[in-house]
PDB file of N, CA and C in Angstrom:
ATOM      1  N   MET A   1     -67.546  13.008  46.620  1.00  0.00           N
ATOM      2  CA  MET A   1     -66.486  12.123  46.183  1.00  0.00           C
ATOM      3  C   MET A   1     -66.689  10.724  46.761  1.00  0.00           C
ATOM      4  N   GLU A   2     -67.119  10.669  48.008  1.00  0.00           N
ATOM      5  CA  GLU A   2     -67.362   9.377  48.662  1.00  0.00           C
ATOM      6  C   GLU A   2     -68.434   8.593  47.910  1.00  0.00           C
ATOM      7  N   LYS A   3     -69.517   9.287  47.555  1.00  0.00           N
ATOM      8  CA  LYS A   3     -70.628   8.624  46.865  1.00  0.00           C
ATOM      9  C   LYS A   3     -70.187   8.120  45.496  1.00  0.00           C
ATOM     10  N   ALA A   4     -69.453   8.916  44.768  1.00  0.00           N
ATOM     11  CA  ALA A   4     -68.970   8.509  43.448  1.00  0.00           C
ATOM     12  C   ALA A   4     -68.022   7.320  43.549  1.00  0.00           C
ATOM     13  N   MET A   5     -67.148   7.326  44.529  1.00  0.00           N
ATOM     14  CA  MET A   5     -66.208   6.217  44.730  1.00  0.00           C
ATOM     15  C   MET A   5     -66.979   4.933  45.018  1.00  0.00           C
ATOM     16  N   HIS A   6     -67.990   5.044  45.864  1.00  0.00           N
ATOM     17  CA  HIS A   6     -68.752   3.855  46.235  1.00  0.00           C
ATOM     18  C   HIS A   6     -69.581   3.356  45.059  1.00  0.00           C
ATOM     19  N   GLN A   7     -70.204   4.252  44.299  1.00  0.00           N
ATOM     20  CA  GLN A   7     -71.022   3.845  43.157  1.00  0.00           C
ATOM     21  C   GLN A   7     -70.178   3.240  42.049  1.00  0.00           C
ATOM     22  N   THR A   8     -69.044   3.805  41.793  1.00  0.00           N
ATOM     23  CA  THR A   8     -68.204   3.356  40.687  1.00  0.00           C
ATOM     24  C   THR A   8     -67.392   2.121  41.020  1.00  0.00           C
ATOM     25  N   HIS A   9     -66.824   2.078  42.198  1.00  0.00           N
ATOM     26  CA  HIS A   9     -65.877   1.011  42.533  1.00  0.00           C
ATOM     27  C   HIS A   9     -66.330   0.112  43.683  1.00  0.00           C
ATOM     28  N   ASN A  10     -67.509   0.391  44.237  1.00  0.00           N
ATOM     29  CA  ASN A  10     -68.059  -0.396  45.357  1.00  0.00           C
ATOM     30  C   ASN A  10     -67.119  -0.457  46.555  1.00  0.00           C
ATOM     31  N   VAL A  11     -66.456   0.644  46.819  1.00  0.00           N
ATOM     32  CA  VAL A  11     -65.549   0.714  47.963  1.00  0.00           C
ATOM     33  C   VAL A  11     -65.598   2.140  48.516  1.00  0.00           C
ATOM     34  N   SER A  12     -65.548   2.270  49.829  1.00  0.00           N
ATOM     35  CA  SER A  12     -65.556   3.602  50.431  1.00  0.00           C
ATOM     36  C   SER A  12     -64.181   4.245  50.257  1.00  0.00           C
ATOM     37  N   TYR A  13     -64.160   5.572  50.350  1.00  0.00           N
ATOM     38  CA  TYR A  13     -62.886   6.264  50.198  1.00  0.00           C
ATOM     39  C   TYR A  13     -61.937   5.901  51.334  1.00  0.00           C
ATOM     40  N   ALA A  14     -62.476   5.707  52.530  1.00  0.00           N
ATOM     41  CA  ALA A  14     -61.634   5.337  53.675  1.00  0.00           C
ATOM     42  C   ALA A  14     -60.968   3.988  53.428  1.00  0.00           C
ATOM     43  N   GLU A  15     -61.735   3.043  52.886  1.00  0.00           N
ATOM     44  CA  GLU A  15     -61.171   1.723  52.582  1.00  0.00           C
ATOM     45  C   GLU A  15     -60.137   1.831  51.460  1.00  0.00           C
ATOM     46  N   TYR A  16     -60.445   2.648  50.457  1.00  0.00           N
ATOM     47  CA  TYR A  16     -59.518   2.884  49.344  1.00  0.00           C
ATOM     48  C   TYR A  16     -58.195   3.451  49.864  1.00  0.00           C
ATOM     49  N   ALA A  17     -58.290   4.441  50.731  1.00  0.00           N
ATOM     50  CA  ALA A  17     -57.093   5.119  51.229  1.00  0.00           C
ATOM     51  C   ALA A  17     -56.268   4.248  52.168  1.00  0.00           C
ATOM     52  N   SER A  18     -56.910   3.311  52.846  1.00  0.00           N
ATOM     53  CA  SER A  18     -56.181   2.513  53.834  1.00  0.00           C
ATOM     54  C   SER A  18     -55.678   1.180  53.301  1.00  0.00           C
ATOM     55  N   SER A  19     -56.128   0.780  52.121  1.00  0.00           N
ATOM     56  CA  SER A  19     -55.751  -0.530  51.595  1.00  0.00           C
ATOM     57  C   SER A  19     -55.023  -0.385  50.262  1.00  0.00           C
ATOM     58  N   LEU A  20     -53.761  -0.728  50.249  1.00  0.00           N
ATOM     59  CA  LEU A  20     -52.980  -0.646  49.016  1.00  0.00           C
ATOM     60  C   LEU A  20     -53.558  -1.560  47.944  1.00  0.00           C
ATOM     61  N   ASP A  21     -54.030  -2.731  48.337  1.00  0.00           N
ATOM     62  CA  ASP A  21     -54.620  -3.672  47.385  1.00  0.00           C
ATOM     63  C   ASP A  21     -55.858  -3.068  46.718  1.00  0.00           C
ATOM     64  N   GLN A  22     -56.736  -2.457  47.518  1.00  0.00           N
ATOM     65  CA  GLN A  22     -57.931  -1.817  46.965  1.00  0.00           C
ATOM     66  C   GLN A  22     -57.539  -0.655  46.059  1.00  0.00           C
ATOM     67  N   MET A  23     -56.555   0.111  46.479  1.00  0.00           N
ATOM     68  CA  MET A  23     -56.105   1.254  45.695  1.00  0.00           C
ATOM     69  C   MET A  23     -55.597   0.801  44.324  1.00  0.00           C
ATOM     70  N   MET A  24     -54.833  -0.272  44.301  1.00  0.00           N
ATOM     71  CA  MET A  24     -54.300  -0.782  43.036  1.00  0.00           C
ATOM     72  C   MET A  24     -55.421  -1.282  42.125  1.00  0.00           C
ATOM     73  N   LYS A  25     -56.415  -1.966  42.684  1.00  0.00           N
ATOM     74  CA  LYS A  25     -57.554  -2.445  41.890  1.00  0.00           C
ATOM     75  C   LYS A  25     -58.305  -1.279  41.262  1.00  0.00           C
ATOM     76  N   VAL A  26     -58.574  -0.255  42.069  1.00  0.00           N
ATOM     77  CA  VAL A  26     -59.309   0.912  41.585  1.00  0.00           C
ATOM     78  C   VAL A  26     -58.508   1.632  40.505  1.00  0.00           C
ATOM     79  N   GLU A  27     -57.218   1.829  40.725  1.00  0.00           N
ATOM     80  CA  GLU A  27     -56.399   2.552  39.754  1.00  0.00           C
ATOM     81  C   GLU A  27     -56.237   1.769  38.450  1.00  0.00           C
ATOM     82  N   LYS A  28     -56.131   0.458  38.518  1.00  0.00           N
ATOM     83  CA  LYS A  28     -56.061  -0.349  37.294  1.00  0.00           C
ATOM     84  C   LYS A  28     -57.358  -0.243  36.512  1.00  0.00           C
ATOM     85  N   LYS A  29     -58.488  -0.261  37.221  1.00  0.00           N
ATOM     86  CA  LYS A  29     -59.786  -0.128  36.560  1.00  0.00           C
ATOM     87  C   LYS A  29     -59.900   1.249  35.905  1.00  0.00           C
ATOM     88  N   ARG A  30     -59.471   2.290  36.610  1.00  0.00           N
ATOM     89  CA  ARG A  30     -59.501   3.647  36.045  1.00  0.00           C
ATOM     90  C   ARG A  30     -58.638   3.740  34.793  1.00  0.00           C
ATOM     91  N   GLU A  31     -57.468   3.132  34.844  1.00  0.00           N
ATOM     92  CA  GLU A  31     -56.563   3.167  33.696  1.00  0.00           C
ATOM     93  C   GLU A  31     -57.186   2.468  32.490  1.00  0.00           C
ATOM     94  N   LYS A  32     -57.796   1.308  32.706  1.00  0.00           N
ATOM     95  CA  LYS A  32     -58.448   0.588  31.606  1.00  0.00           C
ATOM     96  C   LYS A  32     -59.597   1.404  31.025  1.00  0.00           C
ATOM     97  N   GLU A  33     -60.395   2.028  31.890  1.00  0.00           N
ATOM     98  CA  GLU A  33     -61.502   2.861  31.426  1.00  0.00           C
ATOM     99  C   GLU A  33     -60.983   4.054  30.629  1.00  0.00           C
ATOM    100  N   PHE A  34     -59.895   4.658  31.071  1.00  0.00           N
ATOM    101  CA  PHE A  34     -59.308   5.789  30.362  1.00  0.00           C
ATOM    102  C   PHE A  34     -58.816   5.365  28.980  1.00  0.00           C
ATOM    103  N   GLU A  35     -58.111   4.234  28.914  1.00  0.00           N
ATOM    104  CA  GLU A  35     -57.613   3.745  27.630  1.00  0.00           C
ATOM    105  C   GLU A  35     -58.764   3.435  26.680  1.00  0.00           C
ATOM    106  N   ARG A  36     -59.829   2.838  27.208  1.00  0.00           N
ATOM    107  CA  ARG A  36     -60.989   2.517  26.382  1.00  0.00           C
ATOM    108  C   ARG A  36     -61.642   3.795  25.856  1.00  0.00           C
ATOM    109  N   SER A  37     -61.734   4.823  26.682  1.00  0.00           N
ATOM    110  CA  SER A  37     -62.334   6.078  26.239  1.00  0.00           C
ATOM    111  C   SER A  37     -61.450   6.771  25.205  1.00  0.00           C
ATOM    112  N   GLN A  38     -60.136   6.687  25.360  1.00  0.00           N
ATOM    113  CA  GLN A  38     -59.222   7.282  24.382  1.00  0.00           C
ATOM    114  C   GLN A  38     -59.359   6.595  23.022  1.00  0.00           C
ATOM    115  N   LYS A  39     -59.484   5.274  23.023  1.00  0.00           N
ATOM    116  CA  LYS A  39     -59.679   4.535  21.773  1.00  0.00           C
ATOM    117  C   LYS A  39     -60.985   4.944  21.114  1.00  0.00           C
ATOM    118  N   PHE A  40     -62.028   5.101  21.918  1.00  0.00           N
ATOM    119  CA  PHE A  40     -63.328   5.499  21.400  1.00  0.00           C
ATOM    120  C   PHE A  40     -63.254   6.883  20.754  1.00  0.00           C
ATOM    121  N   VAL A  41     -62.637   7.824  21.440  1.00  0.00           N
ATOM    122  CA  VAL A  41     -62.503   9.186  20.912  1.00  0.00           C
ATOM    123  C   VAL A  41     -61.700   9.173  19.618  1.00  0.00           C
ATOM    124  N   SER A  42     -60.638   8.395  19.580  1.00  0.00           N
ATOM    125  CA  SER A  42     -59.814   8.290  18.382  1.00  0.00           C
ATOM    126  C   SER A  42     -60.618   7.718  17.215  1.00  0.00           C
ATOM    127  N   GLU A  43     -61.389   6.685  17.490  1.00  0.00           N
ATOM    128  CA  GLU A  43     -62.199   6.051  16.448  1.00  0.00           C
ATOM    129  C   GLU A  43     -63.262   7.011  15.923  1.00  0.00           C
ATOM    130  N   VAL A  44     -63.913   7.724  16.803  1.00  0.00           N
ATOM    131  CA  VAL A  44     -64.924   8.695  16.387  1.00  0.00           C
ATOM    132  C   VAL A  44     -64.267   9.795  15.560  1.00  0.00           C
ATOM    133  N   GLY A  45     -63.102  10.247  15.973  1.00  0.00           N
ATOM    134  CA  GLY A  45     -62.384  11.277  15.224  1.00  0.00           C
ATOM    135  C   GLY A  45     -62.040  10.827  13.819  1.00  0.00           C
ATOM    136  N   ARG A  46     -61.628   9.578  13.682  1.00  0.00           N
ATOM    137  CA  ARG A  46     -61.322   9.049  12.342  1.00  0.00           C
ATOM    138  C   ARG A  46     -62.569   8.985  11.476  1.00  0.00           C
ATOM    139  N   GLN A  47     -63.690   8.590  12.058  1.00  0.00           N
ATOM    140  CA  GLN A  47     -64.928   8.474  11.294  1.00  0.00           C
ATOM    141  C   GLN A  47     -65.441   9.840  10.862  1.00  0.00           C
ATOM    142  N   ILE A  48     -65.253  10.839  11.695  1.00  0.00           N
ATOM    143  CA  ILE A  48     -65.714  12.188  11.362  1.00  0.00           C
ATOM    144  C   ILE A  48     -64.894  12.768  10.216  1.00  0.00           C
ATOM    145  N   HIS A  49     -63.610  12.487  10.162  1.00  0.00           N
ATOM    146  CA  HIS A  49     -62.725  13.103   9.179  1.00  0.00           C
ATOM    147  C   HIS A  49     -62.580  12.300   7.897  1.00  0.00           C
ATOM    148  N   LYS A  50     -63.466  11.373   7.662  1.00  0.00           N
ATOM    149  CA  LYS A  50     -63.394  10.593   6.407  1.00  0.00           C
ATOM    150  C   LYS A  50     -63.871  11.406   5.247  1.00  0.00           C
TER     151      LYS A  50
END
């Protein structure tokens, strides 16, 4: 988990857990990535069912 956190967000888990500012940045980025993936899945689903 530590390695994935550092590779994805360039922050250690300890820093993430101790800094509210870092936590908010990481969570906002995760939310944007999730929304983008949901849009992609929706678009692919529409194209498949044409």
